[in-house]
N, C-alpha and C. Protein backbone atom coordinates (compact mmCIF):
# COMPACT_ATOMS: atom_id res chain seq x y z
N MET A 1 -140.39 71.94 -4.91
CA MET A 1 -140.74 70.66 -4.34
C MET A 1 -141.18 69.73 -5.46
N ALA A 2 -140.66 68.54 -5.46
CA ALA A 2 -141.02 67.54 -6.48
C ALA A 2 -142.38 66.93 -6.14
N LYS A 3 -143.12 66.57 -7.18
CA LYS A 3 -144.38 65.89 -6.92
C LYS A 3 -144.68 64.92 -8.06
N ASN A 4 -145.44 63.91 -7.74
CA ASN A 4 -145.79 62.88 -8.69
C ASN A 4 -147.02 63.33 -9.47
N THR A 5 -146.88 63.45 -10.80
CA THR A 5 -148.01 63.89 -11.63
C THR A 5 -148.48 62.80 -12.59
N GLN A 6 -148.14 61.56 -12.30
CA GLN A 6 -148.54 60.45 -13.17
C GLN A 6 -150.04 60.24 -13.13
N PRO A 7 -150.63 59.78 -14.24
CA PRO A 7 -152.06 59.44 -14.22
C PRO A 7 -152.32 58.31 -13.22
N VAL A 8 -153.24 58.53 -12.31
CA VAL A 8 -153.47 57.60 -11.20
C VAL A 8 -153.96 56.24 -11.69
N LEU A 9 -154.95 56.22 -12.59
CA LEU A 9 -155.51 54.93 -13.03
C LEU A 9 -154.47 54.11 -13.79
N LYS A 10 -153.67 54.77 -14.60
CA LYS A 10 -152.64 54.06 -15.37
C LYS A 10 -151.61 53.45 -14.42
N ARG A 11 -151.21 54.21 -13.41
CA ARG A 11 -150.22 53.72 -12.43
C ARG A 11 -150.82 52.59 -11.60
N CYS A 12 -152.09 52.69 -11.24
CA CYS A 12 -152.76 51.61 -10.49
C CYS A 12 -152.75 50.32 -11.29
N ARG A 13 -153.04 50.43 -12.58
CA ARG A 13 -153.07 49.24 -13.43
C ARG A 13 -151.68 48.61 -13.51
N THR A 14 -150.65 49.44 -13.66
CA THR A 14 -149.28 48.94 -13.75
C THR A 14 -148.86 48.21 -12.49
N LEU A 15 -149.21 48.77 -11.32
CA LEU A 15 -148.79 48.19 -10.04
C LEU A 15 -149.74 47.11 -9.54
N GLY A 16 -150.88 46.95 -10.18
CA GLY A 16 -151.84 45.93 -9.74
C GLY A 16 -152.63 46.33 -8.52
N ILE A 17 -152.91 47.62 -8.37
CA ILE A 17 -153.67 48.14 -7.22
C ILE A 17 -155.08 48.48 -7.68
N GLU A 18 -156.06 48.19 -6.84
CA GLU A 18 -157.43 48.62 -7.12
C GLU A 18 -157.51 50.13 -6.89
N PRO A 19 -158.12 50.90 -7.80
CA PRO A 19 -158.21 52.36 -7.62
C PRO A 19 -158.92 52.77 -6.32
N GLY A 20 -159.74 51.89 -5.77
CA GLY A 20 -160.43 52.19 -4.52
C GLY A 20 -159.48 52.45 -3.36
N PHE A 21 -158.31 51.82 -3.36
CA PHE A 21 -157.33 52.04 -2.30
C PHE A 21 -156.73 53.44 -2.38
N MET A 22 -156.85 54.06 -3.54
CA MET A 22 -156.35 55.42 -3.73
C MET A 22 -157.45 56.44 -3.47
N GLY A 23 -158.66 55.98 -3.17
CA GLY A 23 -159.77 56.88 -2.91
C GLY A 23 -160.51 57.29 -4.17
N ILE A 24 -160.32 56.54 -5.26
CA ILE A 24 -160.92 56.88 -6.55
C ILE A 24 -161.97 55.84 -6.90
N ASP A 25 -163.14 56.28 -7.36
CA ASP A 25 -164.24 55.37 -7.67
C ASP A 25 -164.20 54.86 -9.11
N LYS A 26 -163.37 55.44 -9.95
CA LYS A 26 -163.33 55.05 -11.35
C LYS A 26 -162.71 53.67 -11.51
N THR A 27 -163.03 53.04 -12.62
CA THR A 27 -162.39 51.78 -12.95
C THR A 27 -161.73 51.92 -14.31
N SER A 28 -160.69 51.16 -14.49
CA SER A 28 -159.98 51.21 -15.76
C SER A 28 -160.70 50.31 -16.75
N LYS A 29 -160.85 50.77 -17.99
CA LYS A 29 -161.55 49.98 -19.00
C LYS A 29 -160.67 48.87 -19.54
N ARG A 30 -159.36 49.10 -19.58
CA ARG A 30 -158.45 48.09 -20.10
C ARG A 30 -158.08 47.09 -19.02
N LYS A 31 -157.98 45.86 -19.41
CA LYS A 31 -157.57 44.80 -18.49
C LYS A 31 -156.05 44.79 -18.40
N PRO A 32 -155.50 44.41 -17.25
CA PRO A 32 -154.05 44.30 -17.17
C PRO A 32 -153.56 43.20 -18.10
N ASN A 33 -152.36 43.35 -18.57
CA ASN A 33 -151.79 42.39 -19.52
C ASN A 33 -151.58 41.04 -18.83
N GLN A 34 -152.31 40.04 -19.25
CA GLN A 34 -152.23 38.72 -18.63
C GLN A 34 -151.09 37.88 -19.19
N ASN A 35 -150.50 38.29 -20.30
CA ASN A 35 -149.48 37.49 -20.96
C ASN A 35 -148.06 37.83 -20.52
N ARG A 36 -147.90 38.52 -19.45
CA ARG A 36 -146.57 38.87 -18.99
C ARG A 36 -145.82 37.63 -18.52
N ARG A 37 -144.51 37.69 -18.72
CA ARG A 37 -143.68 36.59 -18.23
C ARG A 37 -143.63 36.62 -16.71
N LYS A 38 -143.19 35.53 -16.15
CA LYS A 38 -143.04 35.46 -14.70
C LYS A 38 -141.99 36.48 -14.26
N GLN A 39 -142.32 37.22 -13.19
CA GLN A 39 -141.41 38.26 -12.72
C GLN A 39 -140.28 37.64 -11.90
N SER A 40 -139.11 38.27 -11.99
CA SER A 40 -137.98 37.83 -11.17
C SER A 40 -138.24 38.24 -9.72
N GLU A 41 -137.43 37.71 -8.83
CA GLU A 41 -137.57 38.03 -7.41
C GLU A 41 -137.36 39.53 -7.18
N TYR A 42 -136.37 40.09 -7.86
CA TYR A 42 -136.08 41.52 -7.73
C TYR A 42 -137.27 42.35 -8.23
N ALA A 43 -137.89 41.94 -9.33
CA ALA A 43 -139.03 42.68 -9.89
C ALA A 43 -140.21 42.68 -8.92
N VAL A 44 -140.44 41.56 -8.25
CA VAL A 44 -141.53 41.48 -7.27
C VAL A 44 -141.25 42.42 -6.10
N GLN A 45 -140.00 42.42 -5.63
CA GLN A 45 -139.62 43.29 -4.50
C GLN A 45 -139.75 44.76 -4.88
N LEU A 46 -139.26 45.10 -6.07
CA LEU A 46 -139.32 46.48 -6.53
C LEU A 46 -140.77 46.93 -6.72
N ASN A 47 -141.61 46.04 -7.24
CA ASN A 47 -143.02 46.36 -7.44
C ASN A 47 -143.71 46.67 -6.11
N GLU A 48 -143.41 45.91 -5.07
CA GLU A 48 -144.00 46.18 -3.74
C GLU A 48 -143.57 47.54 -3.21
N LYS A 49 -142.29 47.86 -3.38
CA LYS A 49 -141.80 49.15 -2.92
C LYS A 49 -142.49 50.28 -3.69
N GLN A 50 -142.58 50.14 -5.01
CA GLN A 50 -143.22 51.17 -5.82
C GLN A 50 -144.69 51.33 -5.45
N LYS A 51 -145.33 50.22 -5.12
CA LYS A 51 -146.74 50.24 -4.72
C LYS A 51 -146.93 51.07 -3.45
N VAL A 52 -146.09 50.82 -2.45
CA VAL A 52 -146.20 51.55 -1.18
C VAL A 52 -145.90 53.03 -1.39
N LYS A 53 -144.86 53.32 -2.15
CA LYS A 53 -144.52 54.73 -2.43
C LYS A 53 -145.68 55.44 -3.12
N PHE A 54 -146.31 54.77 -4.06
CA PHE A 54 -147.41 55.37 -4.82
C PHE A 54 -148.65 55.56 -3.94
N VAL A 55 -149.00 54.56 -3.17
CA VAL A 55 -150.20 54.65 -2.33
C VAL A 55 -150.08 55.79 -1.32
N TYR A 56 -148.92 55.92 -0.66
CA TYR A 56 -148.75 56.93 0.37
C TYR A 56 -148.20 58.26 -0.17
N GLY A 57 -147.90 58.32 -1.47
CA GLY A 57 -147.48 59.57 -2.09
C GLY A 57 -146.09 60.04 -1.72
N LEU A 58 -145.15 59.11 -1.61
CA LEU A 58 -143.77 59.47 -1.25
C LEU A 58 -142.85 59.35 -2.44
N LEU A 59 -141.79 60.13 -2.41
CA LEU A 59 -140.73 59.99 -3.39
C LEU A 59 -139.63 59.12 -2.78
N GLU A 60 -138.63 58.77 -3.56
CA GLU A 60 -137.63 57.79 -3.15
C GLU A 60 -136.87 58.20 -1.88
N LYS A 61 -136.42 59.44 -1.81
CA LYS A 61 -135.61 59.86 -0.67
C LYS A 61 -136.42 59.82 0.63
N GLN A 62 -137.65 60.31 0.58
CA GLN A 62 -138.52 60.27 1.76
C GLN A 62 -138.76 58.83 2.20
N PHE A 63 -139.02 57.96 1.23
CA PHE A 63 -139.31 56.57 1.54
C PHE A 63 -138.09 55.90 2.16
N ARG A 64 -136.92 56.15 1.60
CA ARG A 64 -135.69 55.56 2.12
C ARG A 64 -135.42 56.01 3.56
N ASN A 65 -135.62 57.30 3.83
CA ASN A 65 -135.42 57.82 5.19
C ASN A 65 -136.41 57.19 6.18
N THR A 66 -137.65 57.02 5.75
CA THR A 66 -138.66 56.39 6.60
C THR A 66 -138.28 54.94 6.87
N PHE A 67 -137.79 54.24 5.85
CA PHE A 67 -137.38 52.85 6.03
C PHE A 67 -136.23 52.75 7.03
N GLU A 68 -135.27 53.65 6.94
CA GLU A 68 -134.12 53.62 7.86
C GLU A 68 -134.57 53.88 9.30
N LYS A 69 -135.53 54.79 9.49
CA LYS A 69 -136.06 55.03 10.84
C LYS A 69 -136.80 53.79 11.35
N ALA A 70 -137.55 53.14 10.46
CA ALA A 70 -138.30 51.93 10.85
C ALA A 70 -137.35 50.80 11.23
N ALA A 71 -136.21 50.72 10.56
CA ALA A 71 -135.24 49.65 10.84
C ALA A 71 -134.61 49.83 12.22
N LYS A 72 -134.53 51.06 12.70
CA LYS A 72 -133.91 51.33 14.00
C LYS A 72 -134.87 51.06 15.16
N ARG A 73 -136.14 50.96 14.89
CA ARG A 73 -137.12 50.72 15.96
C ARG A 73 -137.20 49.23 16.28
N PRO A 74 -137.55 48.90 17.52
CA PRO A 74 -137.67 47.48 17.86
C PRO A 74 -138.88 46.86 17.17
N GLY A 75 -138.76 45.59 16.84
CA GLY A 75 -139.86 44.88 16.19
C GLY A 75 -139.57 44.65 14.72
N SER A 76 -140.58 44.21 14.01
CA SER A 76 -140.46 43.91 12.59
C SER A 76 -140.32 45.21 11.78
N THR A 77 -139.29 45.27 10.96
CA THR A 77 -139.03 46.48 10.17
C THR A 77 -140.17 46.76 9.20
N GLY A 78 -140.69 45.74 8.54
CA GLY A 78 -141.77 45.93 7.58
C GLY A 78 -143.04 46.48 8.24
N GLU A 79 -143.41 45.92 9.37
CA GLU A 79 -144.59 46.41 10.09
C GLU A 79 -144.36 47.82 10.60
N ASN A 80 -143.16 48.08 11.13
CA ASN A 80 -142.85 49.43 11.61
C ASN A 80 -142.98 50.45 10.48
N LEU A 81 -142.51 50.07 9.30
CA LEU A 81 -142.58 50.97 8.14
C LEU A 81 -144.02 51.32 7.81
N LEU A 82 -144.87 50.31 7.72
CA LEU A 82 -146.28 50.56 7.37
C LEU A 82 -146.99 51.36 8.46
N ILE A 83 -146.69 51.08 9.71
CA ILE A 83 -147.32 51.82 10.81
C ILE A 83 -146.87 53.28 10.80
N MET A 84 -145.58 53.51 10.51
CA MET A 84 -145.09 54.89 10.42
C MET A 84 -145.77 55.64 9.28
N LEU A 85 -145.99 54.97 8.17
CA LEU A 85 -146.66 55.60 7.03
C LEU A 85 -148.13 55.89 7.35
N GLU A 86 -148.79 55.01 8.09
CA GLU A 86 -150.18 55.24 8.49
C GLU A 86 -150.30 56.42 9.45
N ARG A 87 -149.27 56.66 10.25
CA ARG A 87 -149.32 57.72 11.25
C ARG A 87 -148.94 59.09 10.69
N ARG A 88 -148.61 59.17 9.41
CA ARG A 88 -148.31 60.47 8.80
C ARG A 88 -149.54 61.37 8.87
N PHE A 89 -149.31 62.66 9.05
CA PHE A 89 -150.38 63.64 9.19
C PHE A 89 -151.35 63.60 8.01
N ASP A 90 -150.82 63.58 6.77
CA ASP A 90 -151.69 63.58 5.60
C ASP A 90 -152.53 62.31 5.52
N ASN A 91 -151.96 61.17 5.92
CA ASN A 91 -152.72 59.92 5.89
C ASN A 91 -153.80 59.91 6.95
N VAL A 92 -153.52 60.47 8.13
CA VAL A 92 -154.53 60.52 9.20
C VAL A 92 -155.71 61.39 8.76
N VAL A 93 -155.41 62.51 8.10
CA VAL A 93 -156.49 63.38 7.57
C VAL A 93 -157.34 62.61 6.57
N TYR A 94 -156.70 61.82 5.71
CA TYR A 94 -157.42 60.98 4.75
C TYR A 94 -158.26 59.93 5.47
N ARG A 95 -157.69 59.26 6.47
CA ARG A 95 -158.40 58.21 7.21
C ARG A 95 -159.59 58.78 7.99
N LEU A 96 -159.48 60.04 8.44
CA LEU A 96 -160.59 60.67 9.16
C LEU A 96 -161.74 61.06 8.23
N GLY A 97 -161.49 61.07 6.93
CA GLY A 97 -162.54 61.40 5.97
C GLY A 97 -162.61 62.87 5.62
N PHE A 98 -161.61 63.66 6.02
CA PHE A 98 -161.60 65.07 5.67
C PHE A 98 -161.20 65.29 4.21
N ALA A 99 -160.64 64.26 3.57
CA ALA A 99 -160.22 64.35 2.17
C ALA A 99 -160.59 63.06 1.47
N ALA A 100 -160.88 63.16 0.16
CA ALA A 100 -161.27 61.98 -0.60
C ALA A 100 -160.07 61.12 -0.98
N THR A 101 -158.90 61.72 -1.16
CA THR A 101 -157.69 60.99 -1.52
C THR A 101 -156.53 61.46 -0.65
N ARG A 102 -155.45 60.70 -0.66
CA ARG A 102 -154.28 61.11 0.10
C ARG A 102 -153.62 62.34 -0.52
N ARG A 103 -153.71 62.46 -1.84
CA ARG A 103 -153.16 63.66 -2.51
C ARG A 103 -153.91 64.91 -2.05
N GLU A 104 -155.23 64.81 -1.98
CA GLU A 104 -156.02 65.94 -1.52
C GLU A 104 -155.72 66.26 -0.06
N ALA A 105 -155.55 65.22 0.75
CA ALA A 105 -155.22 65.42 2.17
C ALA A 105 -153.89 66.13 2.32
N ARG A 106 -152.91 65.73 1.51
CA ARG A 106 -151.59 66.37 1.55
C ARG A 106 -151.71 67.86 1.22
N GLN A 107 -152.52 68.19 0.22
CA GLN A 107 -152.70 69.59 -0.16
C GLN A 107 -153.40 70.38 0.94
N LEU A 108 -154.46 69.81 1.52
CA LEU A 108 -155.17 70.50 2.59
C LEU A 108 -154.27 70.76 3.79
N VAL A 109 -153.42 69.78 4.12
CA VAL A 109 -152.49 69.94 5.25
C VAL A 109 -151.47 71.02 4.94
N SER A 110 -150.87 70.97 3.76
CA SER A 110 -149.83 71.95 3.44
C SER A 110 -150.39 73.37 3.27
N HIS A 111 -151.69 73.50 3.00
CA HIS A 111 -152.31 74.82 2.91
C HIS A 111 -152.75 75.32 4.28
N GLY A 112 -152.52 74.53 5.33
CA GLY A 112 -152.75 75.00 6.69
C GLY A 112 -154.19 75.00 7.16
N HIS A 113 -154.99 74.03 6.74
CA HIS A 113 -156.40 73.97 7.15
C HIS A 113 -156.62 73.26 8.48
N PHE A 114 -155.57 72.68 9.08
CA PHE A 114 -155.74 71.85 10.28
C PHE A 114 -154.84 72.30 11.42
N THR A 115 -155.27 71.93 12.62
CA THR A 115 -154.43 72.11 13.81
C THR A 115 -154.25 70.74 14.45
N VAL A 116 -153.13 70.57 15.12
CA VAL A 116 -152.88 69.35 15.89
C VAL A 116 -152.71 69.77 17.34
N ASN A 117 -153.58 69.27 18.20
CA ASN A 117 -153.58 69.62 19.63
C ASN A 117 -153.67 71.14 19.82
N GLY A 118 -154.45 71.82 18.97
CA GLY A 118 -154.66 73.25 19.09
C GLY A 118 -153.58 74.12 18.49
N LYS A 119 -152.54 73.53 17.93
CA LYS A 119 -151.44 74.31 17.35
C LYS A 119 -151.45 74.16 15.83
N LYS A 120 -151.05 75.23 15.16
CA LYS A 120 -150.98 75.23 13.70
C LYS A 120 -150.01 74.15 13.23
N ALA A 121 -150.42 73.38 12.23
CA ALA A 121 -149.55 72.33 11.67
C ALA A 121 -149.78 72.26 10.18
N ASN A 122 -148.69 72.30 9.39
CA ASN A 122 -148.83 72.23 7.94
C ASN A 122 -147.76 71.36 7.29
N ILE A 123 -147.25 70.39 8.03
CA ILE A 123 -146.23 69.48 7.49
C ILE A 123 -146.87 68.11 7.29
N PRO A 124 -147.10 67.69 6.03
CA PRO A 124 -147.79 66.42 5.77
C PRO A 124 -147.06 65.20 6.30
N SER A 125 -145.74 65.25 6.40
CA SER A 125 -144.97 64.08 6.82
C SER A 125 -144.85 63.95 8.33
N MET A 126 -145.44 64.88 9.09
CA MET A 126 -145.35 64.84 10.54
C MET A 126 -145.99 63.55 11.06
N GLU A 127 -145.28 62.87 11.97
CA GLU A 127 -145.80 61.61 12.51
C GLU A 127 -146.61 61.91 13.77
N LEU A 128 -147.87 61.50 13.77
CA LEU A 128 -148.77 61.77 14.89
C LEU A 128 -148.74 60.62 15.88
N ASN A 129 -149.10 60.91 17.12
CA ASN A 129 -149.06 59.92 18.20
C ASN A 129 -150.45 59.68 18.76
N GLU A 130 -150.55 58.67 19.59
CA GLU A 130 -151.80 58.36 20.26
C GLU A 130 -152.23 59.53 21.13
N GLY A 131 -153.50 59.90 21.06
CA GLY A 131 -154.02 61.01 21.85
C GLY A 131 -154.02 62.35 21.12
N ASP A 132 -153.35 62.45 19.97
CA ASP A 132 -153.34 63.71 19.21
C ASP A 132 -154.73 64.01 18.67
N VAL A 133 -155.11 65.28 18.73
CA VAL A 133 -156.41 65.74 18.24
C VAL A 133 -156.19 66.59 16.99
N ILE A 134 -156.79 66.19 15.89
CA ILE A 134 -156.68 66.90 14.62
C ILE A 134 -158.00 67.62 14.39
N ALA A 135 -157.94 68.94 14.24
CA ALA A 135 -159.16 69.73 14.07
C ALA A 135 -159.02 70.66 12.87
N VAL A 136 -160.15 70.94 12.23
CA VAL A 136 -160.17 71.91 11.14
C VAL A 136 -160.13 73.30 11.77
N LYS A 137 -159.32 74.19 11.21
CA LYS A 137 -159.22 75.56 11.72
C LYS A 137 -160.57 76.27 11.64
N GLU A 138 -160.79 77.22 12.54
CA GLU A 138 -162.04 77.96 12.56
C GLU A 138 -162.31 78.67 11.23
N LYS A 139 -161.26 79.28 10.65
CA LYS A 139 -161.44 79.99 9.38
C LYS A 139 -161.83 79.04 8.25
N SER A 140 -161.35 77.81 8.31
CA SER A 140 -161.59 76.86 7.23
C SER A 140 -162.95 76.17 7.35
N LYS A 141 -163.56 76.18 8.53
CA LYS A 141 -164.84 75.48 8.73
C LYS A 141 -165.95 76.02 7.86
N SER A 142 -165.86 77.29 7.46
CA SER A 142 -166.92 77.89 6.65
C SER A 142 -166.77 77.60 5.16
N SER A 143 -165.67 76.96 4.76
CA SER A 143 -165.48 76.67 3.34
C SER A 143 -166.43 75.56 2.90
N PRO A 144 -166.83 75.55 1.62
CA PRO A 144 -167.78 74.54 1.12
C PRO A 144 -167.24 73.11 1.29
N LYS A 145 -165.94 72.93 1.19
CA LYS A 145 -165.33 71.60 1.31
C LYS A 145 -165.68 70.97 2.66
N PHE A 146 -165.51 71.74 3.73
CA PHE A 146 -165.74 71.20 5.07
C PHE A 146 -167.21 71.26 5.48
N LYS A 147 -168.01 72.14 4.86
CA LYS A 147 -169.45 72.17 5.15
C LYS A 147 -170.11 70.88 4.67
N GLN A 148 -169.69 70.36 3.51
CA GLN A 148 -170.32 69.15 2.98
C GLN A 148 -169.93 67.91 3.78
N ILE A 149 -168.82 67.95 4.51
CA ILE A 149 -168.42 66.80 5.33
C ILE A 149 -169.42 66.56 6.45
N ARG A 150 -170.02 67.62 6.95
CA ARG A 150 -171.00 67.49 8.04
C ARG A 150 -172.22 66.67 7.63
N ASP A 151 -172.53 66.66 6.34
CA ASP A 151 -173.69 65.93 5.84
C ASP A 151 -173.38 64.48 5.48
N MET A 152 -172.10 64.14 5.46
CA MET A 152 -171.69 62.80 5.02
C MET A 152 -171.63 61.81 6.18
N ILE A 153 -171.77 60.54 5.84
CA ILE A 153 -171.55 59.47 6.82
C ILE A 153 -170.14 58.96 6.57
N ILE A 154 -169.29 59.08 7.57
CA ILE A 154 -167.88 58.74 7.41
C ILE A 154 -167.56 57.51 8.24
N THR A 155 -166.95 56.53 7.59
CA THR A 155 -166.47 55.36 8.31
C THR A 155 -164.96 55.48 8.45
N THR A 156 -164.50 55.26 9.65
CA THR A 156 -163.07 55.41 9.93
C THR A 156 -162.51 54.10 10.47
N PRO A 157 -161.18 53.90 10.38
CA PRO A 157 -160.59 52.72 11.02
C PRO A 157 -160.77 52.81 12.54
N LYS A 158 -160.61 51.68 13.22
CA LYS A 158 -160.89 51.67 14.66
C LYS A 158 -159.86 52.42 15.49
N TRP A 159 -158.71 52.80 14.90
CA TRP A 159 -157.69 53.51 15.68
C TRP A 159 -157.88 55.02 15.68
N VAL A 160 -158.89 55.53 14.94
CA VAL A 160 -159.21 56.96 14.98
C VAL A 160 -160.71 57.15 15.19
N THR A 161 -161.07 58.28 15.80
CA THR A 161 -162.48 58.63 15.96
C THR A 161 -162.69 60.03 15.41
N ILE A 162 -163.91 60.31 14.99
CA ILE A 162 -164.21 61.63 14.42
C ILE A 162 -165.49 62.18 15.02
N ASP A 163 -165.47 63.48 15.30
CA ASP A 163 -166.66 64.20 15.71
C ASP A 163 -167.02 65.12 14.53
N VAL A 164 -168.02 64.73 13.76
CA VAL A 164 -168.34 65.43 12.51
C VAL A 164 -168.86 66.84 12.79
N GLU A 165 -169.60 67.04 13.88
CA GLU A 165 -170.14 68.37 14.17
C GLU A 165 -169.04 69.37 14.50
N LYS A 166 -168.04 68.95 15.27
CA LYS A 166 -166.92 69.84 15.62
C LYS A 166 -165.84 69.85 14.55
N LEU A 167 -165.93 68.92 13.59
CA LEU A 167 -164.90 68.73 12.56
C LEU A 167 -163.52 68.49 13.19
N GLU A 168 -163.49 67.51 14.08
CA GLU A 168 -162.21 67.14 14.67
C GLU A 168 -162.15 65.64 14.89
N GLY A 169 -160.94 65.11 14.84
CA GLY A 169 -160.73 63.69 15.03
C GLY A 169 -159.63 63.46 16.04
N LYS A 170 -159.58 62.24 16.55
CA LYS A 170 -158.58 61.91 17.57
C LYS A 170 -158.01 60.53 17.28
N ILE A 171 -156.71 60.39 17.51
CA ILE A 171 -156.07 59.09 17.39
C ILE A 171 -156.22 58.41 18.75
N VAL A 172 -157.05 57.39 18.83
CA VAL A 172 -157.33 56.73 20.11
C VAL A 172 -156.34 55.60 20.39
N ALA A 173 -155.69 55.09 19.36
CA ALA A 173 -154.69 54.03 19.53
C ALA A 173 -153.77 54.07 18.32
N LEU A 174 -152.59 53.51 18.48
CA LEU A 174 -151.68 53.43 17.34
C LEU A 174 -152.17 52.33 16.40
N PRO A 175 -152.02 52.54 15.09
CA PRO A 175 -152.48 51.51 14.15
C PRO A 175 -151.65 50.24 14.26
N LYS A 176 -152.28 49.12 14.01
CA LYS A 176 -151.59 47.83 13.99
C LYS A 176 -151.57 47.34 12.55
N ARG A 177 -150.80 46.32 12.28
CA ARG A 177 -150.66 45.80 10.92
C ARG A 177 -152.01 45.37 10.35
N GLU A 178 -152.84 44.75 11.17
CA GLU A 178 -154.13 44.26 10.65
C GLU A 178 -155.11 45.40 10.34
N ASP A 179 -154.82 46.63 10.82
CA ASP A 179 -155.67 47.78 10.52
C ASP A 179 -155.39 48.37 9.15
N ILE A 180 -154.29 47.99 8.54
CA ILE A 180 -153.89 48.54 7.24
C ILE A 180 -154.50 47.67 6.16
N ASP A 181 -155.42 48.26 5.39
CA ASP A 181 -156.19 47.48 4.42
C ASP A 181 -155.56 47.38 3.04
N VAL A 182 -154.50 48.11 2.78
CA VAL A 182 -153.85 48.06 1.47
C VAL A 182 -153.10 46.74 1.34
N PRO A 183 -153.29 46.00 0.23
CA PRO A 183 -152.62 44.69 0.08
C PRO A 183 -151.13 44.85 -0.23
N ILE A 184 -150.32 44.81 0.82
CA ILE A 184 -148.88 45.01 0.68
C ILE A 184 -148.16 43.86 1.36
N ALA A 185 -147.15 43.32 0.67
CA ALA A 185 -146.28 42.29 1.26
C ALA A 185 -144.99 43.00 1.67
N GLU A 186 -144.98 43.52 2.90
CA GLU A 186 -143.87 44.37 3.34
C GLU A 186 -142.54 43.63 3.45
N HIS A 187 -142.58 42.30 3.57
CA HIS A 187 -141.32 41.56 3.67
C HIS A 187 -140.49 41.68 2.38
N HIS A 188 -141.15 41.89 1.24
CA HIS A 188 -140.42 42.10 -0.01
C HIS A 188 -139.61 43.39 0.01
N ILE A 189 -140.16 44.42 0.65
CA ILE A 189 -139.47 45.70 0.73
C ILE A 189 -138.23 45.57 1.62
N VAL A 190 -138.39 44.85 2.73
CA VAL A 190 -137.27 44.64 3.65
C VAL A 190 -136.16 43.85 2.92
N GLU A 191 -136.55 42.84 2.18
CA GLU A 191 -135.57 42.04 1.43
C GLU A 191 -134.85 42.89 0.39
N LEU A 192 -135.58 43.80 -0.26
CA LEU A 192 -134.98 44.65 -1.29
C LEU A 192 -133.92 45.56 -0.68
N TYR A 193 -134.22 46.17 0.44
CA TYR A 193 -133.27 47.10 1.06
C TYR A 193 -132.15 46.41 1.82
N SER A 194 -132.30 45.13 2.12
CA SER A 194 -131.25 44.43 2.87
C SER A 194 -130.21 43.79 1.96
N LYS A 195 -130.32 44.03 0.66
CA LYS A 195 -129.34 43.45 -0.27
C LYS A 195 -128.02 44.19 -0.18
């Protein structure tokens, strides 16, 4: 399985993303290069696509397949794409506060620490629906990682709720475009793929 091993802070600086959106508290000491020439239209579109791929941890083929599924759904393709990415299992685990970063959430999911609606689930790209309940497995609750979550104060988006004592969360509504806090201009991605 391919995976992205690029340094996160360096990639954030290149794409113009604040490290906080990646779940990292560090800041880069170097300032982004202010003397760059004006970017072409294609460069702006490509940068937006690379930004979304990097934030959600997807490779090109996965991203392209997700875009094609979003294009087939009714409504705005760009909004559908972002909503589909927010509904991914690994992203929901991150949004619930069970992991500090999306990369960590992906690893926890693939190692089988969670159940969805009481059934074993270990596919990070699985798209979750309204009403799905994500819970930490009984065997995993005793691990130090999940014990420390009980002591933390977790803030979640309004489309998910968490019960910290039971270590389970629920999707109470599907996410909307305004619930996505990452600064993305999705219309550039749609324009790039419609060429």
